[in-house]
Structures are given as structure tokens and as C-alpha cells.
Amino acid sequence: MEEWIRYRGKNYTFREINEIREILIAYRDRSRRFISQEICRRWGWRQPNGVLKDMICRGLLLQLEVQGF
């Protein structure tokens, strides 16, 4: 069974967390906003009006940091 963390009612696998790590490494010199928007674009995270779910993604990034990922 694959391990995961839960954030806002969704389970995130370590495969997804590793994808986030790869994005962080690739764009380490960019802003948090840019990084969260890049994750949203890659994962197709959009609100019904088409806007990226940027703030939810930033919350996920903060939660991962707090939990030591």
C-alpha cells in the first residue's frame, strides 16, 4: 500500500509529493506563487471559472513543509 498525506479532503501520494519536489528543484529560484501556479497547471487544478487554484496549492505546500516533506 502506498503512503499518503491528507489535505482538504484529498489524499496525496508520495508520487505526487515527489512531483512537487521535482518542480521545487527545477524552479528553486522562482517565487512561491510561480511554483504553485506551475503545479496547478500541470495537475489541471482550476476553479469552475478557469482560474488556477493557486491559494489551495500554496496551502498544500505549507502543509507539506510543516509535516517535514
C-alpha atoms as a PDB file:
ATOM      1  CA  MET A   1       0.000   0.000   0.000  1.00  0.00           C
ATOM      2  CA  GLU A   2       1.327   3.415  -0.955  1.00  0.00           C
ATOM      3  CA  GLU A   3       1.653   6.018   1.779  1.00  0.00           C
ATOM      4  CA  TRP A   4      -0.023   9.396   1.525  1.00  0.00           C
ATOM      5  CA  ILE A   5      -0.959  12.576   3.355  1.00  0.00           C
ATOM      6  CA  ARG A   6      -4.399  14.132   3.503  1.00  0.00           C
ATOM      7  CA  TYR A   7      -5.106  17.816   2.834  1.00  0.00           C
ATOM      8  CA  ARG A   8      -8.541  19.405   2.405  1.00  0.00           C
ATOM      9  CA  GLY A   9     -10.257  16.067   1.914  1.00  0.00           C
ATOM     10  CA  LYS A  10      -7.871  14.721  -0.729  1.00  0.00           C
ATOM     11  CA  ASN A  11      -5.168  12.104  -0.308  1.00  0.00           C
ATOM     12  CA  TYR A  12      -1.806  12.932  -1.882  1.00  0.00           C
ATOM     13  CA  THR A  13       0.518  10.026  -2.619  1.00  0.00           C
ATOM     14  CA  PHE A  14       4.262  10.157  -2.266  1.00  0.00           C
ATOM     15  CA  ARG A  15       4.441  10.014  -6.061  1.00  0.00           C
ATOM     16  CA  GLU A  16       2.556  13.344  -6.164  1.00  0.00           C
ATOM     17  CA  ILE A  17       4.722  14.737  -3.377  1.00  0.00           C
ATOM     18  CA  ASN A  18       7.843  13.728  -5.299  1.00  0.00           C
ATOM     19  CA  GLU A  19       6.473  15.512  -8.362  1.00  0.00           C
ATOM     20  CA  ILE A  20       6.138  18.636  -6.217  1.00  0.00           C
ATOM     21  CA  ARG A  21       9.752  18.194  -5.071  1.00  0.00           C
ATOM     22  CA  GLU A  22      10.906  17.968  -8.686  1.00  0.00           C
ATOM     23  CA  ILE A  23       9.074  21.198  -9.502  1.00  0.00           C
ATOM     24  CA  LEU A  24      10.600  22.894  -6.449  1.00  0.00           C
ATOM     25  CA  ILE A  25      14.085  21.835  -7.547  1.00  0.00           C
ATOM     26  CA  ALA A  26      13.532  22.879 -11.155  1.00  0.00           C
ATOM     27  CA  TYR A  27      12.225  26.319 -10.166  1.00  0.00           C
ATOM     28  CA  ARG A  28      14.087  26.936  -6.904  1.00  0.00           C
ATOM     29  CA  ASP A  29      14.923  30.500  -7.956  1.00  0.00           C
ATOM     30  CA  ARG A  30      11.278  31.381  -8.685  1.00  0.00           C
ATOM     31  CA  SER A  31       8.601  32.732  -6.344  1.00  0.00           C
ATOM     32  CA  ARG A  32       6.152  30.616  -4.349  1.00  0.00           C
ATOM     33  CA  ARG A  33       3.374  31.990  -6.482  1.00  0.00           C
ATOM     34  CA  PHE A  34       5.064  30.866  -9.693  1.00  0.00           C
ATOM     35  CA  ILE A  35       5.728  27.404  -8.246  1.00  0.00           C
ATOM     36  CA  SER A  36       2.152  26.941  -7.026  1.00  0.00           C
ATOM     37  CA  GLN A  37       0.800  28.101 -10.384  1.00  0.00           C
ATOM     38  CA  GLU A  38       3.099  25.651 -12.181  1.00  0.00           C
ATOM     39  CA  ILE A  39       1.796  22.796 -10.033  1.00  0.00           C
ATOM     40  CA  CYS A  40      -1.794  23.891 -10.749  1.00  0.00           C
ATOM     41  CA  ARG A  41      -1.108  23.971 -14.494  1.00  0.00           C
ATOM     42  CA  ARG A  42       0.494  20.517 -14.505  1.00  0.00           C
ATOM     43  CA  TRP A  43      -2.257  18.961 -12.390  1.00  0.00           C
ATOM     44  CA  GLY A  44      -5.124  20.787 -14.100  1.00  0.00           C
ATOM     45  CA  TRP A  45      -6.241  22.470 -10.877  1.00  0.00           C
ATOM     46  CA  ARG A  46      -8.745  25.115 -11.915  1.00  0.00           C
ATOM     47  CA  GLN A  47     -11.831  26.651 -10.422  1.00  0.00           C
ATOM     48  CA  PRO A  48     -15.098  26.434 -12.380  1.00  0.00           C
ATOM     49  CA  ASN A  49     -14.354  29.913 -13.780  1.00  0.00           C
ATOM     50  CA  GLY A  50     -10.994  28.712 -15.151  1.00  0.00           C
ATOM     51  CA  VAL A  51      -8.756  30.458 -12.609  1.00  0.00           C
ATOM     52  CA  LEU A  52      -5.920  28.385 -11.131  1.00  0.00           C
ATOM     53  CA  LYS A  53      -6.473  27.063  -7.582  1.00  0.00           C
ATOM     54  CA  ASP A  54      -3.319  28.864  -6.516  1.00  0.00           C
ATOM     55  CA  MET A  55      -4.173  29.501  -2.855  1.00  0.00           C
ATOM     56  CA  ILE A  56      -5.199  25.888  -2.228  1.00  0.00           C
ATOM     57  CA  CYS A  57      -1.922  24.756  -3.750  1.00  0.00           C
ATOM     58  CA  ARG A  58       0.059  27.160  -1.572  1.00  0.00           C
ATOM     59  CA  GLY A  59      -1.765  25.767   1.455  1.00  0.00           C
ATOM     60  CA  LEU A  60      -0.746  22.261   0.407  1.00  0.00           C
ATOM     61  CA  LEU A  61       2.874  23.379   0.036  1.00  0.00           C
ATOM     62  CA  LEU A  62       2.789  24.920   3.519  1.00  0.00           C
ATOM     63  CA  GLN A  63       1.262  21.752   4.990  1.00  0.00           C
ATOM     64  CA  LEU A  64       3.975  19.632   3.370  1.00  0.00           C
ATOM     65  CA  GLU A  65       6.633  21.908   4.849  1.00  0.00           C
ATOM     66  CA  VAL A  66       5.068  21.740   8.324  1.00  0.00           C
ATOM     67  CA  GLN A  67       4.950  17.935   8.144  1.00  0.00           C
ATOM     68  CA  GLY A  68       8.594  17.756   7.103  1.00  0.00           C
ATOM     69  CA  PHE A  69       8.166  16.703   3.496  1.00  0.00           C
END
